[in-house]
Each structure stands twice: as structure tokens, then as C-alpha cells.
């Protein structure tokens, strides 16, 4: 009788655990959080470097979050009239991959394209860091120590794109997610 009671309690415990596991919501991944902005465009500004040392100084910065699906997200990044840049985020078996796709006006790839790396942070983070991969180091030896970061502010108001080289800040742009352009 006591054994039957213990068995019954054990089965109730297992059922409760199974129910809890099925009802608990998995944390949203960085990609899911970013995909919430899919189909929208946002203006930004260069935060670093300041002044005229920035090659993008005086030019409008706009990102377009698009092509959001289970394989990844494409984010064209326009600098003034220059529409040659797209950030490509792809879900890979070993993490989220960032590649910089540079194209000429006719759509052909630039000779310096598809550089980037695979994130070193957990998928449920607000930020993803992408150290330069081997392809990048071979294509652009000076960029072998690059680390790109894409981050969403905890309040969901800002998307940041950050580049460090040799551990030092080289570029940062922030985009206002509270004011979609479309």
C-alpha cells in the first residue's frame, strides 16, 4: 500500500514536471527580438568616431530590417546614397553568423565582401559579438582582430552596430527603433 502511494506520488510529480516544461516559455533569441522589427527602416547616427574623422560624416544612415525567416535576417545598411552594404545574419549550427555583403550598383559582388564571423554569445542575449573568422583574416589581414557587435538596448529603443579592432573602439552607430521611417 505504501509502495503504491509512493508510486502514485512519483507519477504526479513527473506529470507536474512535464507540464511545467511544456508551459515554460523559452527565452527569446537575439534573432527573434530583431525580427520583431522586420519590414521596417530606421535612421541612425554615427556615435564614434566623432566629427570629420568619420567617413560617414554628414551622410544619412538607414537600416532596413528585412528577409526575416528561420534561416536568418538581412539588413541593408545605407550610407547616404550608397546602398552597397547588407548585413547578413545566418543561423548556423555553431551560432549566429554575421557577414558583410558588399555589392556594386549592378548587383555584382565587390572584391571585398562576405567578411565577418560567428557570435560568441548565447542566443538569448540582447547583444551578439562576432569576432573575425579565418576567411576575414585572409581577405583583410588588417581586420583579423575585428570584433563586430550588434546590440538591442534593454528598453528596445536602440539598435547599435559596433566595430572594434585590436580591442579598441573603431566605429559605432546607433539607430532609433522608436521612430520607424515606414
C-alpha atoms as a PDB file:
ATOM      1  CA  UNK A   1       0.000   0.000   0.000  1.00  0.00           C
ATOM      2  CA  UNK A   2       2.781   2.417   0.951  1.00  0.00           C
ATOM      3  CA  UNK A   3       4.645   1.431  -2.203  1.00  0.00           C
ATOM      4  CA  UNK A   4       1.571   2.180  -4.309  1.00  0.00           C
ATOM      5  CA  UNK A   5       1.235   5.587  -2.635  1.00  0.00           C
ATOM      6  CA  UNK A   6       4.895   6.411  -3.363  1.00  0.00           C
ATOM      7  CA  UNK A   7       4.469   5.280  -6.960  1.00  0.00           C
ATOM      8  CA  UNK A   8       1.357   7.436  -7.315  1.00  0.00           C
ATOM      9  CA  UNK A   9       3.122  10.479  -5.814  1.00  0.00           C
ATOM     10  CA  UNK A  10       6.103   9.906  -8.106  1.00  0.00           C
ATOM     11  CA  UNK A  11       3.823   9.797 -11.176  1.00  0.00           C
ATOM     12  CA  UNK A  12       2.063  13.000 -10.079  1.00  0.00           C
ATOM     13  CA  UNK A  13       5.482  14.636  -9.640  1.00  0.00           C
ATOM     14  CA  UNK A  14       6.560  13.561 -13.151  1.00  0.00           C
ATOM     15  CA  UNK A  15       3.319  14.852 -14.656  1.00  0.00           C
ATOM     16  CA  UNK A  16       3.789  18.205 -12.906  1.00  0.00           C
ATOM     17  CA  UNK A  17       7.361  18.443 -14.204  1.00  0.00           C
ATOM     18  CA  UNK A  18       6.277  17.620 -17.750  1.00  0.00           C
ATOM     19  CA  UNK A  19       3.514  20.216 -17.610  1.00  0.00           C
ATOM     20  CA  UNK A  20       5.905  22.838 -16.269  1.00  0.00           C
ATOM     21  CA  UNK A  21       8.418  22.104 -19.015  1.00  0.00           C
ATOM     22  CA  UNK A  22       5.804  22.442 -21.739  1.00  0.00           C
ATOM     23  CA  UNK A  23       4.287  25.657 -20.406  1.00  0.00           C
ATOM     24  CA  UNK A  24       7.580  27.400 -19.627  1.00  0.00           C
ATOM     25  CA  UNK A  25       8.411  29.814 -22.427  1.00  0.00           C
ATOM     26  CA  UNK A  26      11.892  29.574 -23.907  1.00  0.00           C
ATOM     27  CA  UNK A  27      13.806  32.861 -23.813  1.00  0.00           C
ATOM     28  CA  UNK A  28      13.578  34.905 -26.981  1.00  0.00           C
ATOM     29  CA  UNK A  29      16.725  34.776 -29.062  1.00  0.00           C
ATOM     30  CA  UNK A  30      18.530  37.836 -30.361  1.00  0.00           C
ATOM     31  CA  UNK A  31      17.273  36.977 -33.854  1.00  0.00           C
ATOM     32  CA  UNK A  32      13.647  36.768 -32.666  1.00  0.00           C
ATOM     33  CA  UNK A  33      13.948  40.125 -30.926  1.00  0.00           C
ATOM     34  CA  UNK A  34      15.458  41.691 -34.047  1.00  0.00           C
ATOM     35  CA  UNK A  35      12.876  40.046 -36.326  1.00  0.00           C
ATOM     36  CA  UNK A  36      10.157  41.961 -34.439  1.00  0.00           C
ATOM     37  CA  UNK A  37      11.358  44.974 -36.475  1.00  0.00           C
ATOM     38  CA  UNK A  38      11.164  43.142 -39.809  1.00  0.00           C
ATOM     39  CA  UNK A  39       9.816  45.183 -42.677  1.00  0.00           C
ATOM     40  CA  UNK A  40      10.757  48.466 -41.014  1.00  0.00           C
ATOM     41  CA  UNK A  41      13.505  51.012 -41.613  1.00  0.00           C
ATOM     42  CA  UNK A  42      15.268  53.157 -39.036  1.00  0.00           C
ATOM     43  CA  UNK A  43      17.512  56.210 -39.136  1.00  0.00           C
ATOM     44  CA  UNK A  44      20.722  56.297 -37.200  1.00  0.00           C
ATOM     45  CA  UNK A  45      23.765  58.337 -36.471  1.00  0.00           C
ATOM     46  CA  UNK A  46      27.443  57.723 -36.023  1.00  0.00           C
ATOM     47  CA  UNK A  47      28.339  57.860 -32.329  1.00  0.00           C
ATOM     48  CA  UNK A  48      32.048  57.131 -32.802  1.00  0.00           C
ATOM     49  CA  UNK A  49      34.271  58.478 -34.235  1.00  0.00           C
ATOM     50  CA  UNK A  50      33.042  61.989 -33.705  1.00  0.00           C
ATOM     51  CA  UNK A  51      33.479  64.841 -36.127  1.00  0.00           C
ATOM     52  CA  UNK A  52      35.063  64.827 -39.563  1.00  0.00           C
ATOM     53  CA  UNK A  53      37.248  61.762 -38.943  1.00  0.00           C
ATOM     54  CA  UNK A  54      34.207  59.580 -39.690  1.00  0.00           C
ATOM     55  CA  UNK A  55      33.970  58.599 -43.380  1.00  0.00           C
ATOM     56  CA  UNK A  56      30.174  58.622 -42.976  1.00  0.00           C
ATOM     57  CA  UNK A  57      30.114  62.189 -41.552  1.00  0.00           C
ATOM     58  CA  UNK A  58      27.195  64.249 -42.816  1.00  0.00           C
ATOM     59  CA  UNK A  59      25.525  61.279 -44.525  1.00  0.00           C
ATOM     60  CA  UNK A  60      22.154  59.801 -43.608  1.00  0.00           C
ATOM     61  CA  UNK A  61      22.417  56.328 -42.052  1.00  0.00           C
ATOM     62  CA  UNK A  62      19.437  53.995 -42.534  1.00  0.00           C
ATOM     63  CA  UNK A  63      18.935  50.296 -41.844  1.00  0.00           C
ATOM     64  CA  UNK A  64      16.160  48.172 -43.356  1.00  0.00           C
ATOM     65  CA  UNK A  65      15.352  45.023 -41.349  1.00  0.00           C
ATOM     66  CA  UNK A  66      14.137  42.576 -43.975  1.00  0.00           C
ATOM     67  CA  UNK A  67      14.108  38.959 -45.151  1.00  0.00           C
ATOM     68  CA  UNK A  68      13.423  37.635 -41.651  1.00  0.00           C
ATOM     69  CA  UNK A  69      12.900  33.876 -41.541  1.00  0.00           C
ATOM     70  CA  UNK A  70      14.149  30.811 -39.688  1.00  0.00           C
ATOM     71  CA  UNK A  71      17.435  30.837 -41.622  1.00  0.00           C
ATOM     72  CA  UNK A  72      18.338  34.432 -40.791  1.00  0.00           C
ATOM     73  CA  UNK A  73      17.858  38.144 -41.322  1.00  0.00           C
ATOM     74  CA  UNK A  74      19.154  40.547 -43.976  1.00  0.00           C
ATOM     75  CA  UNK A  75      19.677  44.191 -43.030  1.00  0.00           C
ATOM     76  CA  UNK A  76      20.611  46.566 -45.849  1.00  0.00           C
ATOM     77  CA  UNK A  77      22.625  49.475 -44.441  1.00  0.00           C
ATOM     78  CA  UNK A  78      22.502  52.671 -46.487  1.00  0.00           C
ATOM     79  CA  UNK A  79      25.012  55.462 -46.075  1.00  0.00           C
ATOM     80  CA  UNK A  80      23.674  58.489 -47.904  1.00  0.00           C
ATOM     81  CA  UNK A  81      23.018  57.372 -51.482  1.00  0.00           C
ATOM     82  CA  UNK A  82      25.369  54.388 -51.119  1.00  0.00           C
ATOM     83  CA  UNK A  83      23.265  51.226 -50.982  1.00  0.00           C
ATOM     84  CA  UNK A  84      26.130  48.760 -51.368  1.00  0.00           C
ATOM     85  CA  UNK A  85      26.080  47.256 -47.853  1.00  0.00           C
ATOM     86  CA  UNK A  86      23.941  44.492 -46.349  1.00  0.00           C
ATOM     87  CA  UNK A  87      24.463  42.794 -43.001  1.00  0.00           C
ATOM     88  CA  UNK A  88      23.556  39.133 -43.322  1.00  0.00           C
ATOM     89  CA  UNK A  89      22.736  37.243 -40.128  1.00  0.00           C
ATOM     90  CA  UNK A  90      22.507  33.483 -40.638  1.00  0.00           C
ATOM     91  CA  UNK A  91      21.636  30.769 -38.136  1.00  0.00           C
ATOM     92  CA  UNK A  92      24.493  28.258 -38.244  1.00  0.00           C
ATOM     93  CA  UNK A  93      24.940  25.022 -36.243  1.00  0.00           C
ATOM     94  CA  UNK A  94      27.661  26.656 -34.138  1.00  0.00           C
ATOM     95  CA  UNK A  95      25.933  30.034 -33.634  1.00  0.00           C
ATOM     96  CA  UNK A  96      24.723  33.179 -35.342  1.00  0.00           C
ATOM     97  CA  UNK A  97      26.916  34.293 -38.234  1.00  0.00           C
ATOM     98  CA  UNK A  98      27.361  37.895 -39.412  1.00  0.00           C
ATOM     99  CA  UNK A  99      28.590  38.586 -42.926  1.00  0.00           C
ATOM    100  CA  UNK A 100      29.014  41.955 -44.619  1.00  0.00           C
ATOM    101  CA  UNK A 101      27.720  41.648 -48.179  1.00  0.00           C
ATOM    102  CA  UNK A 102      29.092  44.453 -50.372  1.00  0.00           C
ATOM    103  CA  UNK A 103      27.703  44.849 -53.894  1.00  0.00           C
ATOM    104  CA  UNK A 104      28.205  47.164 -56.831  1.00  0.00           C
ATOM    105  CA  UNK A 105      25.236  49.059 -58.272  1.00  0.00           C
ATOM    106  CA  UNK A 106      24.731  46.316 -60.874  1.00  0.00           C
ATOM    107  CA  UNK A 107      24.432  43.688 -58.112  1.00  0.00           C
ATOM    108  CA  UNK A 108      27.795  42.037 -58.656  1.00  0.00           C
ATOM    109  CA  UNK A 109      29.805  41.337 -55.512  1.00  0.00           C
ATOM    110  CA  UNK A 110      32.593  43.696 -54.539  1.00  0.00           C
ATOM    111  CA  UNK A 111      36.016  42.058 -54.251  1.00  0.00           C
ATOM    112  CA  UNK A 112      35.897  42.822 -50.516  1.00  0.00           C
ATOM    113  CA  UNK A 113      32.695  41.116 -49.394  1.00  0.00           C
ATOM    114  CA  UNK A 114      31.269  38.442 -47.107  1.00  0.00           C
ATOM    115  CA  UNK A 115      33.646  39.126 -44.238  1.00  0.00           C
ATOM    116  CA  UNK A 116      32.510  38.686 -40.632  1.00  0.00           C
ATOM    117  CA  UNK A 117      32.361  35.929 -38.048  1.00  0.00           C
ATOM    118  CA  UNK A 118      30.259  33.728 -35.752  1.00  0.00           C
ATOM    119  CA  UNK A 119      28.866  35.033 -32.469  1.00  0.00           C
ATOM    120  CA  UNK A 120      30.475  34.117 -29.185  1.00  0.00           C
ATOM    121  CA  UNK A 121      27.415  34.933 -27.041  1.00  0.00           C
ATOM    122  CA  UNK A 122      24.339  32.873 -26.087  1.00  0.00           C
ATOM    123  CA  UNK A 123      21.381  33.105 -28.457  1.00  0.00           C
ATOM    124  CA  UNK A 124      19.099  34.691 -25.838  1.00  0.00           C
ATOM    125  CA  UNK A 125      21.332  37.711 -25.306  1.00  0.00           C
ATOM    126  CA  UNK A 126      20.453  41.302 -26.212  1.00  0.00           C
ATOM    127  CA  UNK A 127      23.816  41.572 -27.943  1.00  0.00           C
ATOM    128  CA  UNK A 128      25.844  39.398 -30.256  1.00  0.00           C
ATOM    129  CA  UNK A 129      29.628  39.723 -30.711  1.00  0.00           C
ATOM    130  CA  UNK A 130      31.203  38.444 -33.903  1.00  0.00           C
ATOM    131  CA  UNK A 131      34.995  38.043 -33.876  1.00  0.00           C
ATOM    132  CA  UNK A 132      36.588  37.967 -37.321  1.00  0.00           C
ATOM    133  CA  UNK A 133      36.715  34.499 -38.839  1.00  0.00           C
ATOM    134  CA  UNK A 134      39.545  32.905 -40.836  1.00  0.00           C
ATOM    135  CA  UNK A 135      38.011  33.999 -44.166  1.00  0.00           C
ATOM    136  CA  UNK A 136      38.022  37.613 -42.948  1.00  0.00           C
ATOM    137  CA  UNK A 137      41.627  37.411 -41.747  1.00  0.00           C
ATOM    138  CA  UNK A 138      42.716  36.087 -45.143  1.00  0.00           C
ATOM    139  CA  UNK A 139      40.623  38.589 -47.133  1.00  0.00           C
ATOM    140  CA  UNK A 140      41.529  41.598 -44.957  1.00  0.00           C
ATOM    141  CA  UNK A 141      44.624  40.883 -42.844  1.00  0.00           C
ATOM    142  CA  UNK A 142      44.268  44.240 -41.039  1.00  0.00           C
ATOM    143  CA  UNK A 143      40.781  43.115 -39.898  1.00  0.00           C
ATOM    144  CA  UNK A 144      41.962  39.837 -38.352  1.00  0.00           C
ATOM    145  CA  UNK A 145      41.319  41.243 -34.848  1.00  0.00           C
ATOM    146  CA  UNK A 146      37.976  42.838 -35.736  1.00  0.00           C
ATOM    147  CA  UNK A 147      35.005  42.205 -33.493  1.00  0.00           C
ATOM    148  CA  UNK A 148      31.585  43.409 -34.574  1.00  0.00           C
ATOM    149  CA  UNK A 149      28.774  43.761 -32.074  1.00  0.00           C
ATOM    150  CA  UNK A 150      25.080  44.107 -32.796  1.00  0.00           C
ATOM    151  CA  UNK A 151      23.023  45.064 -29.773  1.00  0.00           C
ATOM    152  CA  UNK A 152      19.473  45.903 -28.816  1.00  0.00           C
ATOM    153  CA  UNK A 153      19.051  48.158 -25.793  1.00  0.00           C
ATOM    154  CA  UNK A 154      17.147  46.535 -22.898  1.00  0.00           C
ATOM    155  CA  UNK A 155      14.295  49.029 -23.377  1.00  0.00           C
ATOM    156  CA  UNK A 156      14.054  48.145 -27.100  1.00  0.00           C
ATOM    157  CA  UNK A 157      14.631  51.737 -28.194  1.00  0.00           C
ATOM    158  CA  UNK A 158      18.060  51.451 -29.834  1.00  0.00           C
ATOM    159  CA  UNK A 159      19.896  49.109 -32.181  1.00  0.00           C
ATOM    160  CA  UNK A 160      23.678  49.528 -32.134  1.00  0.00           C
ATOM    161  CA  UNK A 161      26.321  48.403 -34.616  1.00  0.00           C
ATOM    162  CA  UNK A 162      29.814  48.487 -33.132  1.00  0.00           C
ATOM    163  CA  UNK A 163      33.228  47.671 -34.577  1.00  0.00           C
ATOM    164  CA  UNK A 164      36.352  47.143 -32.500  1.00  0.00           C
ATOM    165  CA  UNK A 165      39.824  46.404 -33.816  1.00  0.00           C
ATOM    166  CA  UNK A 166      42.647  45.279 -31.546  1.00  0.00           C
ATOM    167  CA  UNK A 167      40.182  45.681 -28.665  1.00  0.00           C
ATOM    168  CA  UNK A 168      39.714  49.411 -29.347  1.00  0.00           C
ATOM    169  CA  UNK A 169      36.525  51.087 -30.498  1.00  0.00           C
ATOM    170  CA  UNK A 170      36.748  51.928 -34.190  1.00  0.00           C
ATOM    171  CA  UNK A 171      33.117  52.660 -35.144  1.00  0.00           C
ATOM    172  CA  UNK A 172      29.670  52.823 -33.561  1.00  0.00           C
ATOM    173  CA  UNK A 173      26.287  53.752 -34.999  1.00  0.00           C
ATOM    174  CA  UNK A 174      23.001  53.825 -33.073  1.00  0.00           C
ATOM    175  CA  UNK A 175      19.594  53.508 -34.735  1.00  0.00           C
ATOM    176  CA  UNK A 176      16.374  54.808 -33.167  1.00  0.00           C
ATOM    177  CA  UNK A 177      13.867  51.931 -33.096  1.00  0.00           C
ATOM    178  CA  UNK A 178      11.095  54.144 -31.675  1.00  0.00           C
ATOM    179  CA  UNK A 179      10.632  56.033 -34.961  1.00  0.00           C
ATOM    180  CA  UNK A 180      10.275  53.708 -37.962  1.00  0.00           C
ATOM    181  CA  UNK A 181      10.708  55.501 -41.284  1.00  0.00           C
ATOM    182  CA  UNK A 182       7.951  53.442 -42.904  1.00  0.00           C
END
